[in-house]
Structures are given as structure tokens and as C-alpha cells.
Amino acid sequence: SEHLSWTQHTDAIIKKAHQRLYFLRRLWGFGMSKGILLNLYRCTVENILTGCIMAWFGNLNVQERKGLQNVVTTAQSITGFDLPTAEGVYRSRCLKKSAIIIKDPQSFHHCHQEEGTGA
């Protein structure tokens, strides 16, 4: 479509995450341990929220970021654990990837340093 937007992508992710939160709530209601609830969150909800996050999160507006954070906040109340925010995951993954690129002698960064044009 000519009118693709990050809003459509974010809405789809949030909808899918809320569907998975339903099962998390049900298991909590059955008295499932917090550890199992946390593992279930990481495998089923966090996985959806953070899939390819480095490619799209930086383009979201404030409202879209709040929608993602609302999912995390709901999951925190169900699991009883402090969970990383979507923005926190985005930042840590970007920093980790940047460190890998900087350390890689084959990276663009190193090629330009050797030529005297890099920083």
C-alpha cells in the first residue's frame, strides 16, 4: 500500500501482544509461579514487542511508544517483575550492535580510519 505507516505496524504488534497477555493473565489466575510467568512473557510477549526493534522503534511517535509501554506495564503487574521498557531494549541493542561494529576490523568505520577520512 502507498499509505504504510509505523502506526499500522505498531497497532498490529500491540494487538498481538494483548492477545498473548490474556494467556498470561489466565495462568496467573490459576496460581502459576512468577518465574514461569516471567519466562512466558519473555517468550511470547517480549519477543513480539522487540522483534527487529532496531529497524522500527526509532521512527515511532510518542503515542505509539506509549502504546508499547502500556503492554509492558500490564505485563509487569501480572508477573510481579520489573521488566525492561521497549525503549530500554531498543537502546541497549543499538549500543551492543554499535560496539560490535566498532570492534570489527572489516567494518566501514575501520576502512575509513585507515584511509585517513574517518574519525
N, C-alpha and C. Protein backbone atom coordinates (compact mmCIF):
# COMPACT_ATOMS: atom_id res chain seq x y z
N SER A 1 0.83 -1.18 0.00
CA SER A 1 0.00 0.00 0.00
C SER A 1 0.87 1.24 0.00
N GLU A 2 0.38 2.30 -0.59
CA GLU A 2 1.11 3.56 -0.62
C GLU A 2 1.08 4.26 0.72
N HIS A 3 0.18 3.84 1.59
CA HIS A 3 -0.02 4.55 2.86
C HIS A 3 0.44 3.73 4.06
N LEU A 4 1.52 2.98 3.88
CA LEU A 4 2.04 2.22 5.01
C LEU A 4 2.58 3.19 6.05
N SER A 5 2.40 2.83 7.30
CA SER A 5 2.90 3.70 8.36
C SER A 5 3.37 2.84 9.52
N TRP A 6 4.15 3.44 10.37
CA TRP A 6 4.60 2.75 11.57
C TRP A 6 3.43 2.55 12.52
N THR A 7 2.42 3.39 12.41
CA THR A 7 1.25 3.25 13.27
C THR A 7 0.56 1.91 13.02
N GLN A 8 0.40 1.54 11.77
CA GLN A 8 -0.22 0.25 11.44
C GLN A 8 0.61 -0.90 12.00
N HIS A 9 1.92 -0.80 11.84
CA HIS A 9 2.82 -1.84 12.35
C HIS A 9 2.72 -1.93 13.87
N THR A 10 2.77 -0.78 14.53
CA THR A 10 2.72 -0.74 15.99
C THR A 10 1.38 -1.25 16.49
N ASP A 11 0.30 -0.84 15.87
CA ASP A 11 -1.03 -1.33 16.27
C ASP A 11 -1.12 -2.85 16.17
N ALA A 12 -0.56 -3.41 15.11
CA ALA A 12 -0.59 -4.87 14.93
C ALA A 12 0.23 -5.56 16.01
N ILE A 13 1.37 -5.00 16.35
CA ILE A 13 2.21 -5.58 17.41
C ILE A 13 1.49 -5.51 18.75
N ILE A 14 0.90 -4.37 19.06
CA ILE A 14 0.20 -4.20 20.33
C ILE A 14 -1.00 -5.16 20.42
N LYS A 15 -1.72 -5.30 19.34
CA LYS A 15 -2.87 -6.21 19.33
C LYS A 15 -2.42 -7.64 19.60
N LYS A 16 -1.37 -8.07 18.93
CA LYS A 16 -0.86 -9.43 19.11
C LYS A 16 -0.35 -9.61 20.54
N ALA A 17 0.32 -8.61 21.08
CA ALA A 17 0.84 -8.69 22.45
C ALA A 17 -0.31 -8.80 23.46
N HIS A 18 -1.36 -8.03 23.26
CA HIS A 18 -2.52 -8.11 24.17
C HIS A 18 -3.19 -9.48 24.11
N GLN A 19 -3.22 -10.10 22.95
CA GLN A 19 -3.76 -11.45 22.84
C GLN A 19 -2.94 -12.42 23.68
N ARG A 20 -1.62 -12.25 23.69
CA ARG A 20 -0.75 -13.12 24.48
C ARG A 20 -0.85 -12.80 25.97
N LEU A 21 -1.10 -11.54 26.31
CA LEU A 21 -1.26 -11.18 27.72
C LEU A 21 -2.48 -11.86 28.34
N TYR A 22 -3.47 -12.14 27.52
CA TYR A 22 -4.66 -12.84 28.01
C TYR A 22 -4.25 -14.17 28.64
N PHE A 23 -3.41 -14.92 27.95
CA PHE A 23 -2.97 -16.21 28.47
C PHE A 23 -2.11 -16.06 29.72
N LEU A 24 -1.33 -15.01 29.76
CA LEU A 24 -0.52 -14.72 30.94
C LEU A 24 -1.42 -14.45 32.14
N ARG A 25 -2.48 -13.67 31.92
CA ARG A 25 -3.44 -13.39 32.99
C ARG A 25 -4.12 -14.67 33.47
N ARG A 26 -4.52 -15.51 32.53
CA ARG A 26 -5.20 -16.76 32.89
C ARG A 26 -4.29 -17.65 33.75
N LEU A 27 -3.05 -17.77 33.35
CA LEU A 27 -2.11 -18.59 34.11
C LEU A 27 -1.86 -18.00 35.49
N TRP A 28 -1.79 -16.68 35.58
CA TRP A 28 -1.66 -16.01 36.87
C TRP A 28 -2.87 -16.35 37.74
N GLY A 29 -4.05 -16.33 37.13
CA GLY A 29 -5.28 -16.66 37.85
C GLY A 29 -5.30 -18.09 38.37
N PHE A 30 -4.59 -18.97 37.68
CA PHE A 30 -4.51 -20.37 38.12
C PHE A 30 -3.40 -20.58 39.15
N GLY A 31 -2.71 -19.50 39.52
CA GLY A 31 -1.67 -19.59 40.55
C GLY A 31 -0.31 -20.03 40.04
N MET A 32 -0.04 -19.82 38.76
CA MET A 32 1.26 -20.18 38.20
C MET A 32 2.36 -19.36 38.87
N SER A 33 3.53 -19.93 39.03
CA SER A 33 4.63 -19.24 39.71
C SER A 33 5.09 -18.03 38.90
N LYS A 34 5.65 -17.05 39.61
CA LYS A 34 6.12 -15.83 38.96
C LYS A 34 7.23 -16.12 37.96
N GLY A 35 8.08 -17.07 38.29
CA GLY A 35 9.17 -17.42 37.37
C GLY A 35 8.66 -17.95 36.04
N ILE A 36 7.66 -18.78 36.09
CA ILE A 36 7.07 -19.31 34.85
C ILE A 36 6.37 -18.19 34.08
N LEU A 37 5.67 -17.32 34.81
CA LEU A 37 5.01 -16.19 34.15
C LEU A 37 6.03 -15.30 33.45
N LEU A 38 7.17 -15.07 34.11
CA LEU A 38 8.22 -14.24 33.51
C LEU A 38 8.75 -14.90 32.24
N ASN A 39 9.03 -16.18 32.30
CA ASN A 39 9.53 -16.89 31.11
C ASN A 39 8.51 -16.86 29.98
N LEU A 40 7.25 -17.04 30.32
CA LEU A 40 6.20 -16.98 29.32
C LEU A 40 6.12 -15.59 28.69
N TYR A 41 6.23 -14.55 29.52
CA TYR A 41 6.23 -13.18 29.00
C TYR A 41 7.38 -13.00 28.01
N ARG A 42 8.57 -13.40 28.41
CA ARG A 42 9.74 -13.21 27.55
C ARG A 42 9.61 -13.94 26.22
N CYS A 43 9.07 -15.13 26.27
CA CYS A 43 8.96 -15.94 25.05
C CYS A 43 7.81 -15.53 24.14
N THR A 44 6.72 -15.06 24.72
CA THR A 44 5.53 -14.83 23.91
C THR A 44 5.18 -13.37 23.69
N VAL A 45 5.46 -12.51 24.66
CA VAL A 45 5.08 -11.11 24.53
C VAL A 45 6.29 -10.25 24.18
N GLU A 46 7.33 -10.33 24.99
CA GLU A 46 8.52 -9.50 24.75
C GLU A 46 9.10 -9.80 23.37
N ASN A 47 9.05 -11.04 22.96
CA ASN A 47 9.54 -11.44 21.66
C ASN A 47 8.81 -10.68 20.54
N ILE A 48 7.51 -10.49 20.69
CA ILE A 48 6.72 -9.75 19.71
C ILE A 48 7.07 -8.26 19.76
N LEU A 49 7.17 -7.73 20.97
CA LEU A 49 7.41 -6.30 21.14
C LEU A 49 8.79 -5.87 20.62
N THR A 50 9.75 -6.76 20.69
CA THR A 50 11.12 -6.35 20.38
C THR A 50 11.67 -6.94 19.09
N GLY A 51 10.88 -7.71 18.36
CA GLY A 51 11.34 -8.27 17.10
C GLY A 51 11.75 -7.19 16.11
N CYS A 52 12.98 -7.22 15.67
CA CYS A 52 13.55 -6.22 14.73
C CYS A 52 13.38 -4.79 15.24
N ILE A 53 13.42 -4.62 16.55
CA ILE A 53 13.16 -3.31 17.15
C ILE A 53 14.11 -2.23 16.66
N MET A 54 15.34 -2.60 16.34
CA MET A 54 16.30 -1.59 15.88
C MET A 54 15.89 -0.97 14.55
N ALA A 55 15.10 -1.68 13.78
CA ALA A 55 14.69 -1.18 12.47
C ALA A 55 13.53 -0.21 12.54
N TRP A 56 12.67 -0.33 13.53
CA TRP A 56 11.44 0.46 13.51
C TRP A 56 11.21 1.34 14.73
N PHE A 57 11.76 1.04 15.88
CA PHE A 57 11.40 1.78 17.09
C PHE A 57 11.76 3.26 17.01
N GLY A 58 12.89 3.58 16.43
CA GLY A 58 13.32 4.97 16.33
C GLY A 58 12.38 5.85 15.52
N ASN A 59 11.53 5.25 14.71
CA ASN A 59 10.60 6.00 13.88
C ASN A 59 9.23 6.21 14.51
N LEU A 60 9.02 5.70 15.72
CA LEU A 60 7.71 5.81 16.36
C LEU A 60 7.51 7.18 16.98
N ASN A 61 6.25 7.60 17.01
CA ASN A 61 5.94 8.85 17.70
C ASN A 61 5.65 8.53 19.18
N VAL A 62 5.42 9.56 19.96
CA VAL A 62 5.22 9.40 21.41
C VAL A 62 4.02 8.51 21.71
N GLN A 63 2.93 8.69 21.01
CA GLN A 63 1.73 7.90 21.24
C GLN A 63 1.97 6.41 20.99
N GLU A 64 2.70 6.10 19.93
CA GLU A 64 3.00 4.71 19.61
C GLU A 64 3.91 4.08 20.66
N ARG A 65 4.88 4.86 21.13
CA ARG A 65 5.78 4.36 22.19
C ARG A 65 5.01 4.12 23.48
N LYS A 66 4.06 4.99 23.78
CA LYS A 66 3.24 4.80 24.99
C LYS A 66 2.39 3.54 24.88
N GLY A 67 1.87 3.26 23.69
CA GLY A 67 1.09 2.04 23.48
C GLY A 67 1.91 0.80 23.78
N LEU A 68 3.16 0.78 23.32
CA LEU A 68 4.04 -0.35 23.60
C LEU A 68 4.35 -0.44 25.09
N GLN A 69 4.60 0.71 25.70
CA GLN A 69 4.91 0.71 27.13
C GLN A 69 3.72 0.26 27.97
N ASN A 70 2.51 0.55 27.53
CA ASN A 70 1.32 0.09 28.25
C ASN A 70 1.27 -1.44 28.31
N VAL A 71 1.70 -2.09 27.24
CA VAL A 71 1.76 -3.56 27.24
C VAL A 71 2.76 -4.04 28.29
N VAL A 72 3.93 -3.41 28.32
CA VAL A 72 4.96 -3.79 29.28
C VAL A 72 4.47 -3.55 30.71
N THR A 73 3.82 -2.42 30.95
CA THR A 73 3.30 -2.09 32.27
C THR A 73 2.27 -3.12 32.72
N THR A 74 1.40 -3.52 31.82
CA THR A 74 0.40 -4.54 32.14
C THR A 74 1.09 -5.86 32.49
N ALA A 75 2.10 -6.23 31.71
CA ALA A 75 2.83 -7.47 31.98
C ALA A 75 3.55 -7.41 33.32
N GLN A 76 4.06 -6.24 33.68
CA GLN A 76 4.71 -6.07 34.98
C GLN A 76 3.73 -6.36 36.12
N SER A 77 2.52 -5.87 35.98
CA SER A 77 1.53 -6.08 37.03
C SER A 77 1.12 -7.55 37.13
N ILE A 78 1.15 -8.26 36.02
CA ILE A 78 0.79 -9.68 36.03
C ILE A 78 1.93 -10.53 36.60
N THR A 79 3.16 -10.27 36.14
CA THR A 79 4.29 -11.11 36.53
C THR A 79 4.86 -10.75 37.90
N GLY A 80 4.70 -9.48 38.30
CA GLY A 80 5.29 -9.04 39.56
C GLY A 80 6.76 -8.68 39.43
N PHE A 81 7.28 -8.62 38.23
CA PHE A 81 8.68 -8.28 37.99
C PHE A 81 8.80 -6.92 37.31
N ASP A 82 9.92 -6.22 37.56
CA ASP A 82 10.24 -5.04 36.79
C ASP A 82 10.77 -5.52 35.44
N LEU A 83 10.15 -5.09 34.38
CA LEU A 83 10.51 -5.52 33.04
C LEU A 83 11.16 -4.37 32.28
N PRO A 84 12.07 -4.67 31.36
CA PRO A 84 12.69 -3.59 30.59
C PRO A 84 11.68 -2.93 29.66
N THR A 85 11.78 -1.62 29.57
CA THR A 85 10.90 -0.89 28.66
C THR A 85 11.30 -1.19 27.22
N ALA A 86 10.39 -0.95 26.30
CA ALA A 86 10.71 -1.14 24.88
C ALA A 86 11.85 -0.20 24.48
N GLU A 87 11.81 1.02 24.99
CA GLU A 87 12.88 1.97 24.66
C GLU A 87 14.21 1.51 25.25
N GLY A 88 14.18 0.96 26.44
CA GLY A 88 15.39 0.43 27.06
C GLY A 88 16.00 -0.70 26.25
N VAL A 89 15.14 -1.59 25.75
CA VAL A 89 15.61 -2.70 24.91
C VAL A 89 16.21 -2.14 23.62
N TYR A 90 15.51 -1.18 23.02
CA TYR A 90 15.99 -0.55 21.79
C TYR A 90 17.38 0.06 21.99
N ARG A 91 17.53 0.83 23.05
CA ARG A 91 18.82 1.50 23.31
C ARG A 91 19.94 0.49 23.57
N SER A 92 19.65 -0.51 24.39
CA SER A 92 20.71 -1.48 24.72
C SER A 92 21.12 -2.28 23.48
N ARG A 93 20.16 -2.62 22.63
CA ARG A 93 20.50 -3.36 21.41
C ARG A 93 21.28 -2.50 20.43
N CYS A 94 20.92 -1.22 20.33
CA CYS A 94 21.68 -0.31 19.46
C CYS A 94 23.11 -0.15 19.96
N LEU A 95 23.28 0.01 21.28
CA LEU A 95 24.63 0.15 21.84
C LEU A 95 25.44 -1.12 21.63
N LYS A 96 24.82 -2.26 21.83
CA LYS A 96 25.52 -3.53 21.64
C LYS A 96 25.96 -3.69 20.18
N LYS A 97 25.06 -3.39 19.26
CA LYS A 97 25.38 -3.51 17.83
C LYS A 97 26.48 -2.52 17.45
N SER A 98 26.42 -1.30 17.99
CA SER A 98 27.45 -0.29 17.71
C SER A 98 28.82 -0.76 18.17
N ALA A 99 28.87 -1.36 19.36
CA ALA A 99 30.14 -1.86 19.89
C ALA A 99 30.70 -2.96 18.99
N ILE A 100 29.84 -3.83 18.49
CA ILE A 100 30.27 -4.90 17.59
C ILE A 100 30.84 -4.31 16.30
N ILE A 101 30.19 -3.31 15.75
CA ILE A 101 30.64 -2.69 14.52
C ILE A 101 31.98 -2.01 14.72
N ILE A 102 32.11 -1.30 15.82
CA ILE A 102 33.37 -0.58 16.09
C ILE A 102 34.53 -1.55 16.26
N LYS A 103 34.28 -2.69 16.88
CA LYS A 103 35.35 -3.68 17.10
C LYS A 103 35.70 -4.47 15.85
N ASP A 104 34.82 -4.49 14.85
CA ASP A 104 35.02 -5.29 13.65
C ASP A 104 36.02 -4.61 12.71
N PRO A 105 37.17 -5.23 12.48
CA PRO A 105 38.17 -4.61 11.60
C PRO A 105 37.72 -4.52 10.14
N GLN A 106 36.69 -5.26 9.76
CA GLN A 106 36.19 -5.23 8.40
C GLN A 106 35.07 -4.19 8.20
N SER A 107 34.70 -3.49 9.27
CA SER A 107 33.58 -2.56 9.18
C SER A 107 33.94 -1.31 8.40
N PHE A 108 32.94 -0.64 7.96
CA PHE A 108 33.07 0.62 7.24
C PHE A 108 33.87 1.63 8.06
N HIS A 109 33.64 1.65 9.34
CA HIS A 109 34.31 2.58 10.26
C HIS A 109 35.83 2.41 10.17
N HIS A 110 36.31 1.18 10.24
CA HIS A 110 37.75 0.92 10.20
C HIS A 110 38.34 1.20 8.83
N CYS A 111 37.62 0.91 7.78
CA CYS A 111 38.12 1.16 6.43
C CYS A 111 38.41 2.63 6.23
N HIS A 112 37.52 3.48 6.73
CA HIS A 112 37.70 4.92 6.55
C HIS A 112 38.76 5.48 7.48
N GLN A 113 38.98 4.88 8.63
CA GLN A 113 40.05 5.34 9.52
C GLN A 113 41.40 5.09 8.88
N GLU A 114 41.55 3.91 8.25
CA GLU A 114 42.81 3.57 7.60
C GLU A 114 43.11 4.50 6.44
N GLU A 115 42.09 4.97 5.74
CA GLU A 115 42.28 5.87 4.62
C GLU A 115 42.51 7.31 5.07
N GLY A 116 42.37 7.56 6.36
CA GLY A 116 42.56 8.91 6.86
C GLY A 116 41.35 9.79 6.74
N THR A 117 40.18 9.22 6.39
CA THR A 117 38.96 10.02 6.25
C THR A 117 38.01 9.82 7.40
N GLY A 118 38.27 8.86 8.26
CA GLY A 118 37.35 8.57 9.36
C GLY A 118 37.71 9.35 10.60
N ALA A 119 36.89 9.18 11.62
CA ALA A 119 37.12 9.88 12.87
C ALA A 119 38.18 9.20 13.69
